[in-house]
């Protein structure tokens, strides 16, 4: 399971609960008929599309800086890992 997805899921759940929304209510605001999408998202089982992240920022009042910092840190870690892997293959 992807740690970044889990962290994003926890963040979404925290702000959803603060707003007093159920998973179904948030799902409907995002254009879904069932709460399954939000449930999967909050458990970190799915990668969130950036447009959905934008919607969540507005709907739940999540600070954009908080989400972008989380995503950029994950990208930075992966970038260094991939670069190191590529360097070790040259020889």
Protein backbone atom coordinates (compact mmCIF):
# COMPACT_ATOMS: atom_id res chain seq x y z
CA UNK A 1 0.00 0.00 0.00
CA UNK A 2 1.30 3.44 -0.91
CA UNK A 3 2.24 5.54 2.12
CA UNK A 4 1.41 8.80 0.33
CA UNK A 5 -2.08 7.54 -0.50
CA UNK A 6 -2.56 6.52 3.13
CA UNK A 7 -1.43 9.95 4.38
CA UNK A 8 -3.73 11.70 1.91
CA UNK A 9 -6.58 9.43 2.97
CA UNK A 10 -6.07 10.27 6.64
CA UNK A 11 -5.99 13.96 5.79
CA UNK A 12 -9.22 13.73 3.79
CA UNK A 13 -10.95 11.83 6.58
CA UNK A 14 -9.77 14.33 9.20
CA UNK A 15 -11.15 17.29 7.26
CA UNK A 16 -14.33 15.46 6.21
CA UNK A 17 -15.12 14.71 9.85
CA UNK A 18 -14.33 18.33 10.83
CA UNK A 19 -16.85 19.48 8.21
CA UNK A 20 -19.43 17.08 9.61
CA UNK A 21 -19.87 15.22 6.33
CA UNK A 22 -20.53 11.52 5.91
CA UNK A 23 -18.68 9.53 3.27
CA UNK A 24 -21.87 9.45 1.22
CA UNK A 25 -22.36 13.22 1.43
CA UNK A 26 -18.78 13.85 0.29
CA UNK A 27 -19.12 11.26 -2.46
CA UNK A 28 -22.23 12.99 -3.76
CA UNK A 29 -20.49 16.37 -3.75
CA UNK A 30 -17.75 14.75 -5.85
CA UNK A 31 -20.36 13.35 -8.26
CA UNK A 32 -20.52 9.74 -7.06
CA UNK A 33 -23.67 7.83 -6.08
CA UNK A 34 -22.17 5.65 -3.34
CA UNK A 35 -19.70 6.23 -0.49
CA UNK A 36 -17.30 3.58 -1.83
CA UNK A 37 -15.00 6.07 -3.58
CA UNK A 38 -14.48 8.07 -0.39
CA UNK A 39 -14.05 4.90 1.66
CA UNK A 40 -11.36 3.59 -0.70
CA UNK A 41 -9.69 7.01 -0.79
CA UNK A 42 -9.64 7.39 3.00
CA UNK A 43 -8.08 3.94 3.42
CA UNK A 44 -5.31 4.87 0.99
CA UNK A 45 -6.23 2.16 -1.49
CA UNK A 46 -6.36 4.45 -4.52
CA UNK A 47 -4.24 7.17 -6.04
CA UNK A 48 -6.23 10.39 -6.13
CA UNK A 49 -6.46 12.23 -9.44
CA UNK A 50 -5.19 15.81 -9.13
CA UNK A 51 -8.55 17.25 -10.17
CA UNK A 52 -10.21 15.37 -7.28
CA UNK A 53 -7.55 16.72 -4.92
CA UNK A 54 -8.49 20.21 -6.14
CA UNK A 55 -12.15 19.51 -5.41
CA UNK A 56 -11.29 18.23 -1.93
CA UNK A 57 -9.27 21.35 -1.17
CA UNK A 58 -12.33 23.47 -1.91
CA UNK A 59 -15.02 21.20 -0.43
CA UNK A 60 -13.22 20.35 2.80
CA UNK A 61 -11.08 23.43 3.31
CA UNK A 62 -7.83 21.46 3.31
CA UNK A 63 -4.88 23.86 3.06
CA UNK A 64 -3.42 23.50 -0.43
CA UNK A 65 0.09 23.92 0.97
CA UNK A 66 -0.44 20.90 3.22
CA UNK A 67 -1.41 18.65 0.32
CA UNK A 68 1.20 19.93 -2.10
CA UNK A 69 3.95 19.54 0.53
CA UNK A 70 2.91 15.94 1.07
CA UNK A 71 2.83 15.19 -2.67
CA UNK A 72 6.13 16.97 -3.37
CA UNK A 73 7.89 15.11 -0.57
CA UNK A 74 6.66 11.79 -1.95
CA UNK A 75 7.85 12.78 -5.43
CA UNK A 76 11.25 13.85 -4.07
CA UNK A 77 11.77 10.52 -2.30
CA UNK A 78 10.76 8.54 -5.38
CA UNK A 79 12.93 10.69 -7.63
CA UNK A 80 16.04 10.07 -5.52
CA UNK A 81 15.28 6.34 -5.37
CA UNK A 82 14.89 6.10 -9.15
CA UNK A 83 18.01 8.16 -9.85
CA UNK A 84 20.07 6.01 -7.48
CA UNK A 85 18.71 2.88 -9.13
CA UNK A 86 19.68 4.18 -12.57
CA UNK A 87 23.17 5.13 -11.39
CA UNK A 88 23.76 1.68 -9.91
CA UNK A 89 22.90 0.05 -13.25
CA UNK A 90 25.81 1.73 -15.02
CA UNK A 91 28.90 -0.14 -14.68
